Structures are given as structure tokens and as C-alpha cells.
Amino acid sequence: QLRLVESGGGLVQAGDSLTLSCTASGRAFSMYAMGWFRRAPGVEREFVGRITGAAGDSQYEEYANSVKGRFSIFRNNAQQTVTLQMNSLKPEDTGIYFCAGNYGYAGSEAGSYSDWGQGTQVTVSS
């Protein structure tokens, strides 16, 4: 089981960039698939992106269509961190961003993740 803590949220203007970090505490971090989700006011939690862990044949990322080309996910297994780089932010990117992890495989469904952080608020003004 991982303990996850997000950081880096804040208030930015449309078009700005923001970097979110997720720091994990626990064992075998490299074996965990990691994901980012967000929840906007009045909207259900939605998938943002994910990155596979060492359990797969090769590492790859997947992104929601709404953020593809603007957001990127990186992981540093030695530091046990996952980074969400967000560029060209839009007001519709506003929400609470959550980091999630699951040992082995996890997809774009929130239910496939066992461990969650508390979230960090991102607000994008127009």
C-alpha cells in the first residue's frame, strides 16, 4: 500500500503552465501503476492520465482526450514521485487533482486504483 501526497496546485491564468507532484511512501513503488484524476465542482471524478509501472513489458502513458498534447506524466522511481506537467491550461481544467496508485496494472477507471492522495486544488482563471 502506498501513501500518496500531492503538491503544486494553485491559481493560474489561462495559457499558463503548472506542475503537480505526487510523492509516494511505501515499498515497491516501481511496480505500481500511477494515475491522475480530477474532480471539478458538480462533476464526477474523471481520468486525466496514467503511467504504467515496472510490471508491464514497457512503460507507456495514456491521456484523456481533453488533455492530450497539453499534459504529460513522468515518474521517478528512485525518488518515488510522479509528476503531472500541465501546459496551455484552460478554465475547464479547474478542479481538485488526485494522484492514485495500484500495484501491477491499473487503467483509466478510478475503481482500478487502490491508493489515493488527498488531492490538490488547481484553479485556472480566464
N, C-alpha and C. Protein backbone atom coordinates (compact mmCIF):
# COMPACT_ATOMS: atom_id res chain seq x y z
N GLN A 1 0.84 -1.19 0.00
CA GLN A 1 0.00 0.00 0.00
C GLN A 1 0.88 1.24 0.00
N LEU A 2 0.48 2.25 -0.75
CA LEU A 2 1.21 3.50 -0.84
C LEU A 2 0.45 4.60 -0.11
N ARG A 3 1.21 5.48 0.50
CA ARG A 3 0.67 6.75 0.98
C ARG A 3 1.07 7.81 -0.03
N LEU A 4 0.10 8.55 -0.55
CA LEU A 4 0.34 9.49 -1.63
C LEU A 4 0.01 10.91 -1.18
N VAL A 5 0.89 11.84 -1.51
CA VAL A 5 0.69 13.24 -1.16
C VAL A 5 0.93 14.09 -2.39
N GLU A 6 -0.09 14.84 -2.80
CA GLU A 6 0.01 15.72 -3.94
C GLU A 6 0.45 17.11 -3.50
N SER A 7 1.12 17.81 -4.41
CA SER A 7 1.52 19.19 -4.15
C SER A 7 1.63 19.91 -5.48
N GLY A 8 1.67 21.25 -5.40
CA GLY A 8 1.90 22.05 -6.59
C GLY A 8 0.68 22.75 -7.15
N GLY A 9 -0.48 22.53 -6.56
CA GLY A 9 -1.66 23.20 -7.05
C GLY A 9 -1.62 24.69 -6.80
N GLY A 10 -2.54 25.41 -7.43
CA GLY A 10 -2.59 26.85 -7.21
C GLY A 10 -3.53 27.52 -8.18
N LEU A 11 -3.47 28.83 -8.21
CA LEU A 11 -4.28 29.67 -9.08
C LEU A 11 -3.41 30.20 -10.20
N VAL A 12 -3.82 29.92 -11.43
CA VAL A 12 -3.07 30.39 -12.59
C VAL A 12 -4.05 30.96 -13.61
N GLN A 13 -3.50 31.60 -14.62
CA GLN A 13 -4.31 32.15 -15.69
C GLN A 13 -4.34 31.20 -16.88
N ALA A 14 -5.38 31.34 -17.68
CA ALA A 14 -5.48 30.51 -18.88
C ALA A 14 -4.22 30.70 -19.74
N GLY A 15 -3.71 29.58 -20.24
CA GLY A 15 -2.49 29.61 -21.04
C GLY A 15 -1.23 29.34 -20.26
N ASP A 16 -1.32 29.44 -18.93
CA ASP A 16 -0.15 29.19 -18.08
C ASP A 16 0.14 27.70 -17.97
N SER A 17 1.27 27.42 -17.35
CA SER A 17 1.66 26.04 -17.06
C SER A 17 1.73 25.84 -15.55
N LEU A 18 1.56 24.59 -15.15
CA LEU A 18 1.62 24.24 -13.74
C LEU A 18 2.12 22.81 -13.63
N THR A 19 2.92 22.55 -12.61
CA THR A 19 3.45 21.21 -12.41
C THR A 19 2.96 20.67 -11.07
N LEU A 20 2.30 19.54 -11.12
CA LEU A 20 1.85 18.85 -9.92
C LEU A 20 2.78 17.69 -9.61
N SER A 21 3.04 17.49 -8.34
CA SER A 21 3.88 16.37 -7.92
C SER A 21 3.10 15.46 -6.98
N CYS A 22 3.42 14.20 -7.06
CA CYS A 22 2.83 13.21 -6.16
C CYS A 22 4.00 12.43 -5.55
N THR A 23 4.12 12.51 -4.25
CA THR A 23 5.19 11.80 -3.55
C THR A 23 4.62 10.59 -2.83
N ALA A 24 5.22 9.45 -3.07
CA ALA A 24 4.72 8.19 -2.51
C ALA A 24 5.61 7.69 -1.38
N SER A 25 4.97 7.14 -0.38
CA SER A 25 5.67 6.46 0.71
C SER A 25 5.19 5.01 0.69
N GLY A 26 6.12 4.09 0.71
CA GLY A 26 5.77 2.68 0.69
C GLY A 26 6.80 1.89 -0.07
N ARG A 27 6.58 0.62 -0.15
CA ARG A 27 7.54 -0.28 -0.78
C ARG A 27 7.15 -0.57 -2.22
N ALA A 28 8.17 -0.95 -3.00
CA ALA A 28 7.97 -1.43 -4.37
C ALA A 28 7.26 -0.42 -5.25
N PHE A 29 7.56 0.85 -5.09
CA PHE A 29 6.88 1.90 -5.86
C PHE A 29 6.96 1.65 -7.35
N SER A 30 8.10 1.16 -7.81
CA SER A 30 8.29 0.97 -9.25
C SER A 30 7.28 0.00 -9.85
N MET A 31 6.71 -0.86 -9.02
CA MET A 31 5.76 -1.86 -9.51
C MET A 31 4.33 -1.32 -9.60
N TYR A 32 4.13 -0.11 -9.16
CA TYR A 32 2.80 0.48 -9.13
C TYR A 32 2.50 1.23 -10.42
N ALA A 33 1.33 0.98 -10.96
CA ALA A 33 0.80 1.85 -11.99
C ALA A 33 0.25 3.09 -11.30
N MET A 34 0.50 4.24 -11.88
CA MET A 34 0.10 5.50 -11.25
C MET A 34 -0.81 6.29 -12.19
N GLY A 35 -1.77 6.96 -11.61
CA GLY A 35 -2.70 7.73 -12.41
C GLY A 35 -3.00 9.07 -11.79
N TRP A 36 -3.52 9.97 -12.61
CA TRP A 36 -4.01 11.28 -12.15
C TRP A 36 -5.47 11.39 -12.55
N PHE A 37 -6.26 11.88 -11.62
CA PHE A 37 -7.68 12.13 -11.84
C PHE A 37 -7.99 13.53 -11.37
N ARG A 38 -9.14 14.05 -11.76
CA ARG A 38 -9.56 15.36 -11.28
C ARG A 38 -11.06 15.37 -11.09
N ARG A 39 -11.48 16.28 -10.20
CA ARG A 39 -12.90 16.44 -9.94
C ARG A 39 -13.21 17.93 -9.93
N ALA A 40 -14.04 18.32 -10.87
CA ALA A 40 -14.49 19.71 -10.94
C ALA A 40 -15.79 19.84 -10.15
N PRO A 41 -16.14 21.04 -9.73
CA PRO A 41 -17.38 21.24 -8.98
C PRO A 41 -18.58 20.72 -9.77
N GLY A 42 -19.36 19.88 -9.14
CA GLY A 42 -20.56 19.37 -9.78
C GLY A 42 -20.31 18.30 -10.82
N VAL A 43 -19.07 17.86 -10.94
CA VAL A 43 -18.72 16.88 -11.96
C VAL A 43 -18.10 15.67 -11.27
N GLU A 44 -18.39 14.50 -11.78
CA GLU A 44 -17.78 13.31 -11.23
C GLU A 44 -16.28 13.31 -11.51
N ARG A 45 -15.55 12.58 -10.68
CA ARG A 45 -14.12 12.43 -10.86
C ARG A 45 -13.84 11.85 -12.25
N GLU A 46 -12.88 12.43 -12.95
CA GLU A 46 -12.57 11.98 -14.29
C GLU A 46 -11.09 11.68 -14.45
N PHE A 47 -10.83 10.77 -15.34
CA PHE A 47 -9.48 10.36 -15.66
C PHE A 47 -8.74 11.48 -16.38
N VAL A 48 -7.47 11.70 -15.98
CA VAL A 48 -6.61 12.67 -16.64
C VAL A 48 -5.50 11.95 -17.41
N GLY A 49 -4.80 11.07 -16.74
CA GLY A 49 -3.71 10.35 -17.38
C GLY A 49 -3.15 9.29 -16.46
N ARG A 50 -2.36 8.40 -17.03
CA ARG A 50 -1.76 7.33 -16.24
C ARG A 50 -0.41 6.94 -16.83
N ILE A 51 0.39 6.32 -16.00
CA ILE A 51 1.68 5.82 -16.44
C ILE A 51 1.86 4.45 -15.84
N THR A 52 2.34 3.52 -16.65
CA THR A 52 2.47 2.15 -16.17
C THR A 52 3.69 2.01 -15.26
N GLY A 53 3.70 0.91 -14.52
CA GLY A 53 4.83 0.60 -13.66
C GLY A 53 5.69 -0.48 -14.28
N ALA A 54 6.61 -1.00 -13.50
CA ALA A 54 7.56 -1.98 -13.99
C ALA A 54 6.93 -3.34 -14.23
N ALA A 55 5.69 -3.52 -13.83
CA ALA A 55 5.03 -4.81 -14.00
C ALA A 55 4.75 -5.11 -15.47
N GLY A 56 4.67 -4.08 -16.29
CA GLY A 56 4.39 -4.28 -17.71
C GLY A 56 5.65 -4.53 -18.50
N ASP A 57 5.45 -4.86 -19.79
CA ASP A 57 6.60 -5.11 -20.65
C ASP A 57 7.40 -3.84 -20.91
N SER A 58 6.72 -2.74 -21.07
CA SER A 58 7.38 -1.47 -21.32
C SER A 58 6.53 -0.36 -20.74
N GLN A 59 7.17 0.74 -20.47
CA GLN A 59 6.45 1.85 -19.85
C GLN A 59 5.74 2.67 -20.92
N TYR A 60 4.49 3.03 -20.65
CA TYR A 60 3.79 3.92 -21.56
C TYR A 60 2.81 4.75 -20.76
N GLU A 61 2.34 5.79 -21.39
CA GLU A 61 1.38 6.70 -20.79
C GLU A 61 0.10 6.72 -21.62
N GLU A 62 -0.96 7.10 -20.97
CA GLU A 62 -2.25 7.28 -21.62
C GLU A 62 -2.87 8.54 -21.08
N TYR A 63 -3.52 9.31 -21.93
CA TYR A 63 -4.12 10.58 -21.52
C TYR A 63 -5.57 10.67 -21.98
N ALA A 64 -6.34 11.39 -21.21
CA ALA A 64 -7.69 11.71 -21.65
C ALA A 64 -7.62 12.62 -22.87
N ASN A 65 -8.61 12.50 -23.74
CA ASN A 65 -8.61 13.32 -24.96
C ASN A 65 -8.59 14.81 -24.64
N SER A 66 -9.20 15.18 -23.53
CA SER A 66 -9.30 16.60 -23.18
C SER A 66 -7.96 17.22 -22.81
N VAL A 67 -6.97 16.40 -22.47
CA VAL A 67 -5.67 16.94 -22.06
C VAL A 67 -4.54 16.48 -22.97
N LYS A 68 -4.83 15.61 -23.90
CA LYS A 68 -3.79 15.06 -24.77
C LYS A 68 -3.09 16.18 -25.54
N GLY A 69 -1.77 16.13 -25.53
CA GLY A 69 -0.98 17.16 -26.18
C GLY A 69 -0.65 18.35 -25.29
N ARG A 70 -1.33 18.46 -24.15
CA ARG A 70 -1.07 19.56 -23.23
C ARG A 70 -0.46 19.08 -21.91
N PHE A 71 -0.84 17.90 -21.48
CA PHE A 71 -0.38 17.36 -20.21
C PHE A 71 0.59 16.20 -20.46
N SER A 72 1.54 16.05 -19.55
CA SER A 72 2.49 14.93 -19.62
C SER A 72 2.73 14.38 -18.23
N ILE A 73 2.91 13.09 -18.15
CA ILE A 73 3.17 12.43 -16.87
C ILE A 73 4.56 11.81 -16.91
N PHE A 74 5.30 12.01 -15.82
CA PHE A 74 6.62 11.43 -15.67
C PHE A 74 6.69 10.76 -14.30
N ARG A 75 7.55 9.77 -14.21
CA ARG A 75 7.76 9.16 -12.90
C ARG A 75 9.25 9.01 -12.63
N ASN A 76 9.61 9.13 -11.36
CA ASN A 76 10.98 8.93 -10.91
C ASN A 76 10.93 7.89 -9.82
N ASN A 77 11.27 6.68 -10.17
CA ASN A 77 11.13 5.59 -9.20
C ASN A 77 12.11 5.72 -8.04
N ALA A 78 13.27 6.27 -8.30
CA ALA A 78 14.25 6.43 -7.22
C ALA A 78 13.76 7.41 -6.17
N GLN A 79 13.09 8.46 -6.61
CA GLN A 79 12.55 9.45 -5.68
C GLN A 79 11.11 9.16 -5.29
N GLN A 80 10.52 8.16 -5.91
CA GLN A 80 9.13 7.77 -5.64
C GLN A 80 8.19 8.94 -5.87
N THR A 81 8.31 9.54 -7.02
CA THR A 81 7.45 10.65 -7.37
C THR A 81 6.84 10.44 -8.75
N VAL A 82 5.67 11.03 -8.92
CA VAL A 82 5.01 11.09 -10.22
C VAL A 82 4.65 12.55 -10.46
N THR A 83 4.98 13.06 -11.62
CA THR A 83 4.77 14.46 -11.95
C THR A 83 3.75 14.59 -13.06
N LEU A 84 2.86 15.55 -12.91
CA LEU A 84 1.90 15.89 -13.96
C LEU A 84 2.24 17.29 -14.44
N GLN A 85 2.80 17.38 -15.62
CA GLN A 85 3.13 18.66 -16.23
C GLN A 85 1.94 19.12 -17.05
N MET A 86 1.41 20.28 -16.71
CA MET A 86 0.22 20.80 -17.38
C MET A 86 0.56 22.09 -18.09
N ASN A 87 0.39 22.11 -19.39
CA ASN A 87 0.66 23.28 -20.21
C ASN A 87 -0.62 23.78 -20.87
N SER A 88 -0.57 25.02 -21.30
CA SER A 88 -1.72 25.61 -22.01
C SER A 88 -3.02 25.37 -21.24
N LEU A 89 -3.00 25.70 -19.98
CA LEU A 89 -4.15 25.43 -19.13
C LEU A 89 -5.37 26.23 -19.56
N LYS A 90 -6.53 25.61 -19.37
CA LYS A 90 -7.81 26.21 -19.72
C LYS A 90 -8.68 26.28 -18.46
N PRO A 91 -9.64 27.19 -18.44
CA PRO A 91 -10.53 27.26 -17.27
C PRO A 91 -11.20 25.93 -16.98
N GLU A 92 -11.49 25.16 -17.99
CA GLU A 92 -12.14 23.85 -17.76
C GLU A 92 -11.21 22.82 -17.14
N ASP A 93 -9.94 23.16 -16.97
CA ASP A 93 -9.02 22.27 -16.25
C ASP A 93 -9.12 22.47 -14.74
N THR A 94 -9.90 23.43 -14.32
CA THR A 94 -10.07 23.70 -12.89
C THR A 94 -10.66 22.49 -12.18
N GLY A 95 -10.10 22.19 -11.01
CA GLY A 95 -10.62 21.09 -10.21
C GLY A 95 -9.61 20.65 -9.17
N ILE A 96 -10.01 19.65 -8.42
CA ILE A 96 -9.10 19.02 -7.46
C ILE A 96 -8.43 17.85 -8.18
N TYR A 97 -7.12 17.83 -8.15
CA TYR A 97 -6.36 16.80 -8.84
C TYR A 97 -5.87 15.77 -7.84
N PHE A 98 -6.12 14.51 -8.16
CA PHE A 98 -5.77 13.40 -7.29
C PHE A 98 -4.75 12.50 -7.96
N CYS A 99 -3.81 12.04 -7.15
CA CYS A 99 -2.86 11.04 -7.56
C CYS A 99 -3.36 9.69 -7.04
N ALA A 100 -3.19 8.65 -7.84
CA ALA A 100 -3.66 7.32 -7.44
C ALA A 100 -2.65 6.27 -7.88
N GLY A 101 -2.63 5.16 -7.16
CA GLY A 101 -1.71 4.09 -7.49
C GLY A 101 -2.32 2.73 -7.28
N ASN A 102 -1.83 1.76 -8.03
CA ASN A 102 -2.26 0.39 -7.85
C ASN A 102 -1.10 -0.54 -8.21
N TYR A 103 -0.88 -1.54 -7.39
CA TYR A 103 0.21 -2.47 -7.64
C TYR A 103 -0.09 -3.28 -8.89
N GLY A 104 0.86 -3.27 -9.83
CA GLY A 104 0.65 -4.01 -11.06
C GLY A 104 -0.03 -3.15 -12.10
N TYR A 105 -1.22 -3.56 -12.48
CA TYR A 105 -1.93 -2.88 -13.56
C TYR A 105 -3.04 -1.98 -13.03
N ALA A 106 -3.27 -0.86 -13.70
CA ALA A 106 -4.43 -0.01 -13.47
C ALA A 106 -4.72 0.73 -14.76
N GLY A 107 -5.99 0.91 -15.05
CA GLY A 107 -6.39 1.55 -16.29
C GLY A 107 -6.87 2.96 -16.09
N SER A 108 -7.83 3.37 -16.90
CA SER A 108 -8.37 4.72 -16.82
C SER A 108 -9.58 4.80 -15.89
N GLU A 109 -9.96 3.69 -15.30
CA GLU A 109 -11.10 3.68 -14.38
C GLU A 109 -10.61 3.92 -12.96
N ALA A 110 -11.29 4.81 -12.26
CA ALA A 110 -10.89 5.11 -10.89
C ALA A 110 -10.93 3.86 -10.02
N GLY A 111 -11.86 2.98 -10.29
CA GLY A 111 -12.00 1.78 -9.49
C GLY A 111 -10.85 0.81 -9.60
N SER A 112 -9.96 1.01 -10.56
CA SER A 112 -8.82 0.11 -10.71
C SER A 112 -7.63 0.53 -9.86
N TYR A 113 -7.78 1.60 -9.09
CA TYR A 113 -6.71 2.09 -8.23
C TYR A 113 -7.08 1.86 -6.77
N SER A 114 -6.10 1.40 -6.00
CA SER A 114 -6.35 1.08 -4.60
C SER A 114 -5.93 2.20 -3.65
N ASP A 115 -4.97 3.00 -4.04
CA ASP A 115 -4.40 4.01 -3.15
C ASP A 115 -4.60 5.40 -3.74
N TRP A 116 -5.00 6.34 -2.88
CA TRP A 116 -5.33 7.69 -3.34
C TRP A 116 -4.73 8.73 -2.41
N GLY A 117 -4.36 9.87 -3.01
CA GLY A 117 -3.96 11.01 -2.21
C GLY A 117 -5.17 11.86 -1.86
N GLN A 118 -4.91 12.93 -1.13
CA GLN A 118 -5.99 13.82 -0.68
C GLN A 118 -6.36 14.86 -1.72
N GLY A 119 -5.51 15.06 -2.69
CA GLY A 119 -5.83 15.99 -3.75
C GLY A 119 -5.21 17.37 -3.56
N THR A 120 -5.05 18.08 -4.67
CA THR A 120 -4.55 19.45 -4.65
C THR A 120 -5.39 20.27 -5.62
N GLN A 121 -5.73 21.49 -5.20
CA GLN A 121 -6.65 22.32 -5.98
C GLN A 121 -5.89 23.05 -7.08
N VAL A 122 -6.46 23.00 -8.27
CA VAL A 122 -5.96 23.77 -9.41
C VAL A 122 -7.10 24.66 -9.90
N THR A 123 -6.84 25.95 -9.97
CA THR A 123 -7.84 26.89 -10.46
C THR A 123 -7.24 27.68 -11.60
N VAL A 124 -7.94 27.64 -12.73
CA VAL A 124 -7.47 28.35 -13.92
C VAL A 124 -8.47 29.46 -14.23
N SER A 125 -8.03 30.69 -14.16
CA SER A 125 -8.90 31.83 -14.43
C SER A 125 -8.81 32.22 -15.90
N SER A 126 -9.91 32.75 -16.39
CA SER A 126 -9.97 33.14 -17.82
C SER A 126 -9.47 34.54 -18.02
